[in-house]
Amino acid sequence: MEPAYYRRVVGDWLNGGAFPALGLTSLRRESNGAMVSLGLGLLIGQELRFEPERSLSAGAVARISVRLIHELVTSGPVDSPREFTGADGEVLLAVPVRGGAQLRVMVRK
């Protein structure tokens, strides 16, 4: 990203705005279809992991991820199962997996 954009989004965050998740982290799809964050581990020691689920579009996973990344940067790593509330009021369960290096995120229905 351009330096001016970086200064603006980080400045907005430091002044009380949302963490610039889309600029400082990313999502990638694994060969099995899981979506995993990249970069969050540098900040809190954990990455998000969404197992393949037909009911969630890639856009929905991105929206949920941005909100969760903001929450996690604020609150720190998760060491036991924890519930979060999604942007649309959905209940999200984050469970540490892979020795705590990832948080498996599930949407409770």
PDB file of N, CA and C in Angstrom:
ATOM      1  N   MET A   1       0.835  -1.175   0.000  1.00  0.00           N
ATOM      2  CA  MET A   1       0.000   0.000   0.000  1.00  0.00           C
ATOM      3  C   MET A   1       0.880   1.239   0.000  1.00  0.00           C
ATOM      4  N   GLU A   2       0.337   2.298  -0.497  1.00  0.00           N
ATOM      5  CA  GLU A   2       1.085   3.546  -0.567  1.00  0.00           C
ATOM      6  C   GLU A   2       1.284   4.126   0.829  1.00  0.00           C
ATOM      7  N   PRO A   3       2.414   4.799   1.058  1.00  0.00           N
ATOM      8  CA  PRO A   3       2.689   5.359   2.384  1.00  0.00           C
ATOM      9  C   PRO A   3       1.600   6.302   2.897  1.00  0.00           C
ATOM     10  N   ALA A   4       1.054   7.137   2.035  1.00  0.00           N
ATOM     11  CA  ALA A   4       0.021   8.083   2.476  1.00  0.00           C
ATOM     12  C   ALA A   4      -1.229   7.342   2.936  1.00  0.00           C
ATOM     13  N   TYR A   5      -1.605   6.289   2.197  1.00  0.00           N
ATOM     14  CA  TYR A   5      -2.764   5.485   2.594  1.00  0.00           C
ATOM     15  C   TYR A   5      -2.498   4.795   3.929  1.00  0.00           C
ATOM     16  N   TYR A   6      -1.306   4.244   4.082  1.00  0.00           N
ATOM     17  CA  TYR A   6      -0.935   3.580   5.334  1.00  0.00           C
ATOM     18  C   TYR A   6      -1.037   4.564   6.503  1.00  0.00           C
ATOM     19  N   ARG A   7      -0.461   5.734   6.347  1.00  0.00           N
ATOM     20  CA  ARG A   7      -0.509   6.735   7.422  1.00  0.00           C
ATOM     21  C   ARG A   7      -1.947   7.089   7.768  1.00  0.00           C
ATOM     22  N   ARG A   8      -2.800   7.208   6.752  1.00  0.00           N
ATOM     23  CA  ARG A   8      -4.193   7.573   6.997  1.00  0.00           C
ATOM     24  C   ARG A   8      -4.942   6.468   7.745  1.00  0.00           C
ATOM     25  N   VAL A   9      -4.847   5.208   7.273  1.00  0.00           N
ATOM     26  CA  VAL A   9      -5.632   4.147   7.913  1.00  0.00           C
ATOM     27  C   VAL A   9      -5.109   3.827   9.312  1.00  0.00           C
ATOM     28  N   VAL A  10      -3.794   3.870   9.491  1.00  0.00           N
ATOM     29  CA  VAL A  10      -3.245   3.629  10.829  1.00  0.00           C
ATOM     30  C   VAL A  10      -3.585   4.805  11.744  1.00  0.00           C
ATOM     31  N   GLY A  11      -3.516   6.012  11.221  1.00  0.00           N
ATOM     32  CA  GLY A  11      -3.906   7.186  12.013  1.00  0.00           C
ATOM     33  C   GLY A  11      -5.361   7.121  12.443  1.00  0.00           C
ATOM     34  N   ASP A  12      -6.238   6.716  11.520  1.00  0.00           N
ATOM     35  CA  ASP A  12      -7.658   6.562  11.869  1.00  0.00           C
ATOM     36  C   ASP A  12      -7.826   5.541  12.990  1.00  0.00           C
ATOM     37  N   TRP A  13      -7.114   4.417  12.892  1.00  0.00           N
ATOM     38  CA  TRP A  13      -7.197   3.370  13.921  1.00  0.00           C
ATOM     39  C   TRP A  13      -6.698   3.904  15.263  1.00  0.00           C
ATOM     40  N   LEU A  14      -5.557   4.587  15.255  1.00  0.00           N
ATOM     41  CA  LEU A  14      -5.001   5.101  16.508  1.00  0.00           C
ATOM     42  C   LEU A  14      -5.887   6.169  17.130  1.00  0.00           C
ATOM     43  N   ASN A  15      -6.741   6.784  16.323  1.00  0.00           N
ATOM     44  CA  ASN A  15      -7.680   7.785  16.838  1.00  0.00           C
ATOM     45  C   ASN A  15      -9.047   7.188  17.158  1.00  0.00           C
ATOM     46  N   GLY A  16      -9.105   5.861  17.326  1.00  0.00           N
ATOM     47  CA  GLY A  16     -10.344   5.229  17.757  1.00  0.00           C
ATOM     48  C   GLY A  16     -11.125   4.504  16.685  1.00  0.00           C
ATOM     49  N   GLY A  17     -10.635   4.480  15.464  1.00  0.00           N
ATOM     50  CA  GLY A  17     -11.332   3.786  14.384  1.00  0.00           C
ATOM     51  C   GLY A  17     -11.051   2.295  14.388  1.00  0.00           C
ATOM     52  N   ALA A  18     -11.549   1.640  13.363  1.00  0.00           N
ATOM     53  CA  ALA A  18     -11.359   0.195  13.233  1.00  0.00           C
ATOM     54  C   ALA A  18      -9.920  -0.126  12.845  1.00  0.00           C
ATOM     55  N   PHE A  19      -9.432  -1.271  13.310  1.00  0.00           N
ATOM     56  CA  PHE A  19      -8.111  -1.735  12.921  1.00  0.00           C
ATOM     57  C   PHE A  19      -8.107  -1.959  11.412  1.00  0.00           C
ATOM     58  N   PRO A  20      -7.082  -1.508  10.690  1.00  0.00           N
ATOM     59  CA  PRO A  20      -7.048  -1.641   9.225  1.00  0.00           C
ATOM     60  C   PRO A  20      -6.697  -3.065   8.786  1.00  0.00           C
ATOM     61  N   ALA A  21      -7.613  -3.987   9.055  1.00  0.00           N
ATOM     62  CA  ALA A  21      -7.374  -5.412   8.800  1.00  0.00           C
ATOM     63  C   ALA A  21      -7.082  -5.702   7.336  1.00  0.00           C
ATOM     64  N   LEU A  22      -7.785  -5.072   6.433  1.00  0.00           N
ATOM     65  CA  LEU A  22      -7.585  -5.372   5.012  1.00  0.00           C
ATOM     66  C   LEU A  22      -6.267  -4.830   4.477  1.00  0.00           C
ATOM     67  N   GLY A  23      -5.638  -3.935   5.189  1.00  0.00           N
ATOM     68  CA  GLY A  23      -4.350  -3.420   4.764  1.00  0.00           C
ATOM     69  C   GLY A  23      -3.173  -4.112   5.431  1.00  0.00           C
ATOM     70  N   LEU A  24      -3.379  -4.622   6.641  1.00  0.00           N
ATOM     71  CA  LEU A  24      -2.270  -5.199   7.398  1.00  0.00           C
ATOM     72  C   LEU A  24      -2.348  -6.718   7.548  1.00  0.00           C
ATOM     73  N   THR A  25      -3.436  -7.317   7.098  1.00  0.00           N
ATOM     74  CA  THR A  25      -3.576  -8.774   7.080  1.00  0.00           C
ATOM     75  C   THR A  25      -4.236  -9.149   5.754  1.00  0.00           C
ATOM     76  N   SER A  26      -4.321 -10.435   5.497  1.00  0.00           N
ATOM     77  CA  SER A  26      -5.019 -10.890   4.298  1.00  0.00           C
ATOM     78  C   SER A  26      -5.622 -12.267   4.576  1.00  0.00           C
ATOM     79  N   LEU A  27      -6.382 -12.761   3.609  1.00  0.00           N
ATOM     80  CA  LEU A  27      -6.962 -14.099   3.681  1.00  0.00           C
ATOM     81  C   LEU A  27      -6.501 -14.896   2.482  1.00  0.00           C
ATOM     82  N   ARG A  28      -6.272 -16.183   2.690  1.00  0.00           N
ATOM     83  CA  ARG A  28      -5.933 -17.057   1.564  1.00  0.00           C
ATOM     84  C   ARG A  28      -6.723 -18.347   1.697  1.00  0.00           C
ATOM     85  N   ARG A  29      -7.013 -18.934   0.561  1.00  0.00           N
ATOM     86  CA  ARG A  29      -7.738 -20.198   0.537  1.00  0.00           C
ATOM     87  C   ARG A  29      -6.727 -21.338   0.419  1.00  0.00           C
ATOM     88  N   GLU A  30      -6.861 -22.324   1.294  1.00  0.00           N
ATOM     89  CA  GLU A  30      -6.001 -23.501   1.232  1.00  0.00           C
ATOM     90  C   GLU A  30      -6.553 -24.498   0.223  1.00  0.00           C
ATOM     91  N   SER A  31      -5.775 -25.488  -0.117  1.00  0.00           N
ATOM     92  CA  SER A  31      -6.178 -26.457  -1.136  1.00  0.00           C
ATOM     93  C   SER A  31      -7.451 -27.218  -0.767  1.00  0.00           C
ATOM     94  N   ASN A  32      -7.740 -27.361   0.533  1.00  0.00           N
ATOM     95  CA  ASN A  32      -8.964 -28.055   0.959  1.00  0.00           C
ATOM     96  C   ASN A  32     -10.168 -27.129   1.040  1.00  0.00           C
ATOM     97  N   GLY A  33      -9.990 -25.845   0.695  1.00  0.00           N
ATOM     98  CA  GLY A  33     -11.086 -24.886   0.718  1.00  0.00           C
ATOM     99  C   GLY A  33     -11.157 -24.031   1.968  1.00  0.00           C
ATOM    100  N   ALA A  34     -10.351 -24.331   2.984  1.00  0.00           N
ATOM    101  CA  ALA A  34     -10.353 -23.521   4.204  1.00  0.00           C
ATOM    102  C   ALA A  34      -9.811 -22.125   3.897  1.00  0.00           C
ATOM    103  N   MET A  35     -10.332 -21.113   4.604  1.00  0.00           N
ATOM    104  CA  MET A  35      -9.821 -19.740   4.497  1.00  0.00           C
ATOM    105  C   MET A  35      -9.020 -19.452   5.761  1.00  0.00           C
ATOM    106  N   VAL A  36      -7.793 -18.952   5.579  1.00  0.00           N
ATOM    107  CA  VAL A  36      -6.890 -18.700   6.684  1.00  0.00           C
ATOM    108  C   VAL A  36      -6.347 -17.281   6.565  1.00  0.00           C
ATOM    109  N   SER A  37      -6.274 -16.586   7.682  1.00  0.00           N
ATOM    110  CA  SER A  37      -5.702 -15.242   7.665  1.00  0.00           C
ATOM    111  C   SER A  37      -4.182 -15.330   7.595  1.00  0.00           C
ATOM    112  N   LEU A  38      -3.586 -14.267   7.106  1.00  0.00           N
ATOM    113  CA  LEU A  38      -2.132 -14.115   7.076  1.00  0.00           C
ATOM    114  C   LEU A  38      -1.788 -12.755   7.662  1.00  0.00           C
ATOM    115  N   GLY A  39      -0.874 -12.737   8.619  1.00  0.00           N
ATOM    116  CA  GLY A  39      -0.446 -11.475   9.211  1.00  0.00           C
ATOM    117  C   GLY A  39      -0.949 -11.249  10.615  1.00  0.00           C
ATOM    118  N   LEU A  40      -2.087 -11.820  10.966  1.00  0.00           N
ATOM    119  CA  LEU A  40      -2.603 -11.643  12.325  1.00  0.00           C
ATOM    120  C   LEU A  40      -1.656 -12.280  13.330  1.00  0.00           C
ATOM    121  N   GLY A  41      -1.023 -13.383  12.942  1.00  0.00           N
ATOM    122  CA  GLY A  41      -0.079 -14.060  13.829  1.00  0.00           C
ATOM    123  C   GLY A  41       1.075 -13.162  14.258  1.00  0.00           C
ATOM    124  N   LEU A  42       1.475 -12.237  13.409  1.00  0.00           N
ATOM    125  CA  LEU A  42       2.535 -11.292  13.775  1.00  0.00           C
ATOM    126  C   LEU A  42       2.085 -10.345  14.882  1.00  0.00           C
ATOM    127  N   LEU A  43       0.783 -10.136  14.975  1.00  0.00           N
ATOM    128  CA  LEU A  43       0.238  -9.188  15.952  1.00  0.00           C
ATOM    129  C   LEU A  43      -0.182  -9.846  17.252  1.00  0.00           C
ATOM    130  N   ILE A  44      -0.795 -11.035  17.181  1.00  0.00           N
ATOM    131  CA  ILE A  44      -1.289 -11.679  18.409  1.00  0.00           C
ATOM    132  C   ILE A  44      -0.814 -13.126  18.569  1.00  0.00           C
ATOM    133  N   GLY A  45      -0.077 -13.649  17.588  1.00  0.00           N
ATOM    134  CA  GLY A  45       0.412 -15.024  17.686  1.00  0.00           C
ATOM    135  C   GLY A  45      -0.569 -16.075  17.215  1.00  0.00           C
ATOM    136  N   GLN A  46      -1.689 -15.657  16.617  1.00  0.00           N
ATOM    137  CA  GLN A  46      -2.705 -16.586  16.128  1.00  0.00           C
ATOM    138  C   GLN A  46      -3.258 -16.099  14.794  1.00  0.00           C
ATOM    139  N   GLU A  47      -3.617 -17.050  13.949  1.00  0.00           N
ATOM    140  CA  GLU A  47      -4.298 -16.757  12.690  1.00  0.00           C
ATOM    141  C   GLU A  47      -5.719 -17.297  12.773  1.00  0.00           C
ATOM    142  N   LEU A  48      -6.626 -16.713  12.002  1.00  0.00           N
ATOM    143  CA  LEU A  48      -8.000 -17.215  11.907  1.00  0.00           C
ATOM    144  C   LEU A  48      -8.051 -18.353  10.907  1.00  0.00           C
ATOM    145  N   ARG A  49      -8.949 -19.313  11.144  1.00  0.00           N
ATOM    146  CA  ARG A  49      -9.138 -20.435  10.224  1.00  0.00           C
ATOM    147  C   ARG A  49     -10.622 -20.736  10.100  1.00  0.00           C
ATOM    148  N   PHE A  50     -11.134 -20.671   8.882  1.00  0.00           N
ATOM    149  CA  PHE A  50     -12.514 -21.024   8.576  1.00  0.00           C
ATOM    150  C   PHE A  50     -12.479 -22.302   7.748  1.00  0.00           C
ATOM    151  N   GLU A  51     -13.002 -23.383   8.293  1.00  0.00           N
ATOM    152  CA  GLU A  51     -13.068 -24.629   7.535  1.00  0.00           C
ATOM    153  C   GLU A  51     -14.057 -24.442   6.394  1.00  0.00           C
ATOM    154  N   PRO A  52     -13.929 -25.246   5.332  1.00  0.00           N
ATOM    155  CA  PRO A  52     -14.856 -25.114   4.206  1.00  0.00           C
ATOM    156  C   PRO A  52     -16.304 -25.277   4.677  1.00  0.00           C
ATOM    157  N   GLU A  53     -17.129 -24.323   4.332  1.00  0.00           N
ATOM    158  CA  GLU A  53     -18.543 -24.367   4.698  1.00  0.00           C
ATOM    159  C   GLU A  53     -19.335 -23.738   3.566  1.00  0.00           C
ATOM    160  N   ARG A  54     -20.241 -24.495   3.032  1.00  0.00           N
ATOM    161  CA  ARG A  54     -21.007 -24.013   1.877  1.00  0.00           C
ATOM    162  C   ARG A  54     -21.937 -22.849   2.204  1.00  0.00           C
ATOM    163  N   SER A  55     -22.305 -22.706   3.467  1.00  0.00           N
ATOM    164  CA  SER A  55     -23.254 -21.655   3.805  1.00  0.00           C
ATOM    165  C   SER A  55     -22.603 -20.272   3.898  1.00  0.00           C
ATOM    166  N   LEU A  56     -21.269 -20.203   3.914  1.00  0.00           N
ATOM    167  CA  LEU A  56     -20.576 -18.916   3.996  1.00  0.00           C
ATOM    168  C   LEU A  56     -19.880 -18.610   2.676  1.00  0.00           C
ATOM    169  N   SER A  57     -20.212 -17.479   2.099  1.00  0.00           N
ATOM    170  CA  SER A  57     -19.516 -17.038   0.891  1.00  0.00           C
ATOM    171  C   SER A  57     -18.150 -16.469   1.281  1.00  0.00           C
ATOM    172  N   ALA A  58     -17.285 -16.319   0.303  1.00  0.00           N
ATOM    173  CA  ALA A  58     -15.979 -15.713   0.559  1.00  0.00           C
ATOM    174  C   ALA A  58     -16.149 -14.296   1.115  1.00  0.00           C
ATOM    175  N   GLY A  59     -17.148 -13.568   0.620  1.00  0.00           N
ATOM    176  CA  GLY A  59     -17.417 -12.222   1.131  1.00  0.00           C
ATOM    177  C   GLY A  59     -17.838 -12.234   2.586  1.00  0.00           C
ATOM    178  N   ALA A  60     -18.664 -13.210   2.967  1.00  0.00           N
ATOM    179  CA  ALA A  60     -19.094 -13.327   4.365  1.00  0.00           C
ATOM    180  C   ALA A  60     -17.909 -13.645   5.262  1.00  0.00           C
ATOM    181  N   VAL A  61     -17.046 -14.542   4.811  1.00  0.00           N
ATOM    182  CA  VAL A  61     -15.846 -14.869   5.589  1.00  0.00           C
ATOM    183  C   VAL A  61     -14.979 -13.628   5.756  1.00  0.00           C
ATOM    184  N   ALA A  62     -14.835 -12.832   4.713  1.00  0.00           N
ATOM    185  CA  ALA A  62     -14.034 -11.608   4.795  1.00  0.00           C
ATOM    186  C   ALA A  62     -14.640 -10.621   5.787  1.00  0.00           C
ATOM    187  N   ARG A  63     -15.956 -10.427   5.734  1.00  0.00           N
ATOM    188  CA  ARG A  63     -16.614  -9.494   6.673  1.00  0.00           C
ATOM    189  C   ARG A  63     -16.446  -9.961   8.119  1.00  0.00           C
ATOM    190  N   ILE A  64     -16.654 -11.249   8.355  1.00  0.00           N
ATOM    191  CA  ILE A  64     -16.496 -11.797   9.701  1.00  0.00           C
ATOM    192  C   ILE A  64     -15.042 -11.640  10.144  1.00  0.00           C
ATOM    193  N   SER A  65     -14.102 -11.915   9.250  1.00  0.00           N
ATOM    194  CA  SER A  65     -12.681 -11.835   9.585  1.00  0.00           C
ATOM    195  C   SER A  65     -12.267 -10.425   9.972  1.00  0.00           C
ATOM    196  N   VAL A  66     -12.698  -9.438   9.215  1.00  0.00           N
ATOM    197  CA  VAL A  66     -12.331  -8.049   9.512  1.00  0.00           C
ATOM    198  C   VAL A  66     -12.799  -7.666  10.907  1.00  0.00           C
ATOM    199  N   ARG A  67     -14.018  -8.020  11.238  1.00  0.00           N
ATOM    200  CA  ARG A  67     -14.542  -7.694  12.572  1.00  0.00           C
ATOM    201  C   ARG A  67     -13.774  -8.441  13.665  1.00  0.00           C
ATOM    202  N   LEU A  68     -13.527  -9.740  13.451  1.00  0.00           N
ATOM    203  CA  LEU A  68     -12.801 -10.521  14.449  1.00  0.00           C
ATOM    204  C   LEU A  68     -11.363 -10.035  14.613  1.00  0.00           C
ATOM    205  N   ILE A  69     -10.711  -9.703  13.517  1.00  0.00           N
ATOM    206  CA  ILE A  69      -9.343  -9.207  13.608  1.00  0.00           C
ATOM    207  C   ILE A  69      -9.295  -7.947  14.449  1.00  0.00           C
ATOM    208  N   HIS A  70     -10.234  -7.039  14.245  1.00  0.00           N
ATOM    209  CA  HIS A  70     -10.299  -5.825  15.073  1.00  0.00           C
ATOM    210  C   HIS A  70     -10.445  -6.194  16.551  1.00  0.00           C
ATOM    211  N   GLU A  71     -11.369  -7.098  16.853  1.00  0.00           N
ATOM    212  CA  GLU A  71     -11.588  -7.527  18.243  1.00  0.00           C
ATOM    213  C   GLU A  71     -10.339  -8.168  18.835  1.00  0.00           C
ATOM    214  N   LEU A  72      -9.684  -9.034  18.060  1.00  0.00           N
ATOM    215  CA  LEU A  72      -8.516  -9.755  18.570  1.00  0.00           C
ATOM    216  C   LEU A  72      -7.303  -8.866  18.757  1.00  0.00           C
ATOM    217  N   VAL A  73      -7.101  -7.897  17.884  1.00  0.00           N
ATOM    218  CA  VAL A  73      -5.994  -6.962  18.060  1.00  0.00           C
ATOM    219  C   VAL A  73      -6.216  -6.143  19.331  1.00  0.00           C
ATOM    220  N   THR A  74      -7.466  -5.868  19.640  1.00  0.00           N
ATOM    221  CA  THR A  74      -7.799  -5.116  20.848  1.00  0.00           C
ATOM    222  C   THR A  74      -7.666  -5.966  22.104  1.00  0.00           C
ATOM    223  N   SER A  75      -8.155  -7.218  22.053  1.00  0.00           N
ATOM    224  CA  SER A  75      -8.219  -8.043  23.264  1.00  0.00           C
ATOM    225  C   SER A  75      -7.076  -9.035  23.422  1.00  0.00           C
ATOM    226  N   GLY A  76      -6.366  -9.352  22.348  1.00  0.00           N
ATOM    227  CA  GLY A  76      -5.255 -10.290  22.444  1.00  0.00           C
ATOM    228  C   GLY A  76      -5.652 -11.706  22.083  1.00  0.00           C
ATOM    229  N   PRO A  77      -4.698 -12.631  22.176  1.00  0.00           N
ATOM    230  CA  PRO A  77      -4.943 -14.012  21.758  1.00  0.00           C
ATOM    231  C   PRO A  77      -5.999 -14.708  22.609  1.00  0.00           C
ATOM    232  N   VAL A  78      -6.558 -15.771  22.049  1.00  0.00           N
ATOM    233  CA  VAL A  78      -7.600 -16.562  22.705  1.00  0.00           C
ATOM    234  C   VAL A  78      -6.980 -17.883  23.139  1.00  0.00           C
ATOM    235  N   ASP A  79      -7.104 -18.229  24.426  1.00  0.00           N
ATOM    236  CA  ASP A  79      -6.497 -19.477  24.903  1.00  0.00           C
ATOM    237  C   ASP A  79      -7.509 -20.574  25.221  1.00  0.00           C
ATOM    238  N   SER A  80      -8.797 -20.254  25.124  1.00  0.00           N
ATOM    239  CA  SER A  80      -9.854 -21.254  25.303  1.00  0.00           C
ATOM    240  C   SER A  80     -11.036 -20.824  24.427  1.00  0.00           C
ATOM    241  N   PRO A  81     -11.970 -21.734  24.130  1.00  0.00           N
ATOM    242  CA  PRO A  81     -13.094 -21.351  23.261  1.00  0.00           C
ATOM    243  C   PRO A  81     -13.761 -20.060  23.739  1.00  0.00           C
ATOM    244  N   ARG A  82     -14.058 -19.197  22.792  1.00  0.00           N
ATOM    245  CA  ARG A  82     -14.643 -17.887  23.125  1.00  0.00           C
ATOM    246  C   ARG A  82     -15.662 -17.505  22.072  1.00  0.00           C
ATOM    247  N   GLU A  83     -16.759 -16.915  22.516  1.00  0.00           N
ATOM    248  CA  GLU A  83     -17.795 -16.448  21.604  1.00  0.00           C
ATOM    249  C   GLU A  83     -17.615 -14.960  21.314  1.00  0.00           C
ATOM    250  N   PHE A  84     -17.909 -14.604  20.081  1.00  0.00           N
ATOM    251  CA  PHE A  84     -17.924 -13.220  19.625  1.00  0.00           C
ATOM    252  C   PHE A  84     -19.260 -12.987  18.935  1.00  0.00           C
ATOM    253  N   THR A  85     -19.624 -11.736  18.761  1.00  0.00           N
ATOM    254  CA  THR A  85     -20.828 -11.395  18.020  1.00  0.00           C
ATOM    255  C   THR A  85     -20.416 -10.802  16.683  1.00  0.00           C
ATOM    256  N   GLY A  86     -20.955 -11.349  15.603  1.00  0.00           N
ATOM    257  CA  GLY A  86     -20.653 -10.863  14.267  1.00  0.00           C
ATOM    258  C   GLY A  86     -21.381  -9.569  13.961  1.00  0.00           C
ATOM    259  N   ALA A  87     -21.044  -8.960  12.847  1.00  0.00           N
ATOM    260  CA  ALA A  87     -21.623  -7.676  12.446  1.00  0.00           C
ATOM    261  C   ALA A  87     -23.130  -7.747  12.275  1.00  0.00           C
ATOM    262  N   ASP A  88     -23.637  -8.906  11.884  1.00  0.00           N
ATOM    263  CA  ASP A  88     -25.077  -9.078  11.696  1.00  0.00           C
ATOM    264  C   ASP A  88     -25.747  -9.736  12.896  1.00  0.00           C
ATOM    265  N   GLY A  89     -25.054  -9.760  14.038  1.00  0.00           N
ATOM    266  CA  GLY A  89     -25.610 -10.331  15.252  1.00  0.00           C
ATOM    267  C   GLY A  89     -25.429 -11.832  15.390  1.00  0.00           C
ATOM    268  N   GLU A  90     -24.761 -12.461  14.409  1.00  0.00           N
ATOM    269  CA  GLU A  90     -24.541 -13.902  14.490  1.00  0.00           C
ATOM    270  C   GLU A  90     -23.534 -14.218  15.595  1.00  0.00           C
ATOM    271  N   VAL A  91     -23.652 -15.402  16.169  1.00  0.00           N
ATOM    272  CA  VAL A  91     -22.732 -15.838  17.217  1.00  0.00           C
ATOM    273  C   VAL A  91     -21.584 -16.594  16.559  1.00  0.00           C
ATOM    274  N   LEU A  92     -20.381 -16.166  16.863  1.00  0.00           N
ATOM    275  CA  LEU A  92     -19.178 -16.779  16.322  1.00  0.00           C
ATOM    276  C   LEU A  92     -18.435 -17.466  17.452  1.00  0.00           C
ATOM    277  N   LEU A  93     -18.007 -18.679  17.223  1.00  0.00           N
ATOM    278  CA  LEU A  93     -17.219 -19.409  18.208  1.00  0.00           C
ATOM    279  C   LEU A  93     -15.802 -19.536  17.679  1.00  0.00           C
ATOM    280  N   ALA A  94     -14.833 -19.058  18.439  1.00  0.00           N
ATOM    281  CA  ALA A  94     -13.413 -19.152  18.079  1.00  0.00           C
ATOM    282  C   ALA A  94     -12.762 -20.147  19.031  1.00  0.00           C
ATOM    283  N   VAL A  95     -12.189 -21.207  18.458  1.00  0.00           N
ATOM    284  CA  VAL A  95     -11.584 -22.272  19.246  1.00  0.00           C
ATOM    285  C   VAL A  95     -10.114 -22.401  18.856  1.00  0.00           C
ATOM    286  N   PRO A  96      -9.199 -22.294  19.823  1.00  0.00           N
ATOM    287  CA  PRO A  96      -7.783 -22.476  19.488  1.00  0.00           C
ATOM    288  C   PRO A  96      -7.523 -23.903  18.987  1.00  0.00           C
ATOM    289  N   VAL A  97      -6.787 -24.006  17.880  1.00  0.00           N
ATOM    290  CA  VAL A  97      -6.387 -25.300  17.310  1.00  0.00           C
ATOM    291  C   VAL A  97      -4.916 -25.214  16.905  1.00  0.00           C
ATOM    292  N   ARG A  98      -4.364 -26.346  16.510  1.00  0.00           N
ATOM    293  CA  ARG A  98      -2.972 -26.412  16.061  1.00  0.00           C
ATOM    294  C   ARG A  98      -2.028 -25.800  17.088  1.00  0.00           C
ATOM    295  N   GLY A  99      -2.176 -26.269  18.331  1.00  0.00           N
ATOM    296  CA  GLY A  99      -1.318 -25.780  19.408  1.00  0.00           C
ATOM    297  C   GLY A  99      -1.534 -24.327  19.758  1.00  0.00           C
ATOM    298  N   GLY A 100      -2.700 -23.789  19.421  1.00  0.00           N
ATOM    299  CA  GLY A 100      -3.019 -22.395  19.704  1.00  0.00           C
ATOM    300  C   GLY A 100      -2.576 -21.435  18.626  1.00  0.00           C
ATOM    301  N   ALA A 101      -1.937 -21.938  17.558  1.00  0.00           N
ATOM    302  CA  ALA A 101      -1.448 -21.060  16.492  1.00  0.00           C
ATOM    303  C   ALA A 101      -2.565 -20.546  15.595  1.00  0.00           C
ATOM    304  N   GLN A 102      -3.708 -21.232  15.597  1.00  0.00           N
ATOM    305  CA  GLN A 102      -4.849 -20.806  14.793  1.00  0.00           C
ATOM    306  C   GLN A 102      -6.110 -20.812  15.651  1.00  0.00           C
ATOM    307  N   LEU A 103      -7.072 -19.995  15.228  1.00  0.00           N
ATOM    308  CA  LEU A 103      -8.400 -19.979  15.836  1.00  0.00           C
ATOM    309  C   LEU A 103      -9.387 -20.479  14.801  1.00  0.00           C
ATOM    310  N   ARG A 104      -9.964 -21.641  15.055  1.00  0.00           N
ATOM    311  CA  ARG A 104     -10.992 -22.152  14.163  1.00  0.00           C
ATOM    312  C   ARG A 104     -12.271 -21.384  14.470  1.00  0.00           C
ATOM    313  N   VAL A 105     -12.820 -20.735  13.464  1.00  0.00           N
ATOM    314  CA  VAL A 105     -13.998 -19.896  13.648  1.00  0.00           C
ATOM    315  C   VAL A 105     -15.202 -20.611  13.029  1.00  0.00           C
ATOM    316  N   MET A 106     -16.248 -20.727  13.840  1.00  0.00           N
ATOM    317  CA  MET A 106     -17.490 -21.346  13.392  1.00  0.00           C
ATOM    318  C   MET A 106     -18.636 -20.398  13.662  1.00  0.00           C
ATOM    319  N   VAL A 107     -19.599 -20.374  12.771  1.00  0.00           N
ATOM    320  CA  VAL A 107     -20.794 -19.556  12.940  1.00  0.00           C
ATOM    321  C   VAL A 107     -21.857 -20.456  13.525  1.00  0.00           C
ATOM    322  N   ARG A 108     -22.363 -20.086  14.690  1.00  0.00           N
ATOM    323  CA  ARG A 108     -23.422 -20.864  15.330  1.00  0.00           C
ATOM    324  C   ARG A 108     -24.734 -20.530  14.670  1.00  0.00           C
ATOM    325  N   LYS A 109     -25.476 -21.558  14.372  1.00  0.00           N
ATOM    326  CA  LYS A 109     -26.756 -21.368  13.688  1.00  0.00           C
ATOM    327  C   LYS A 109     -27.914 -21.525  14.638  1.00  0.00           C
TER     328      LYS A 109
END
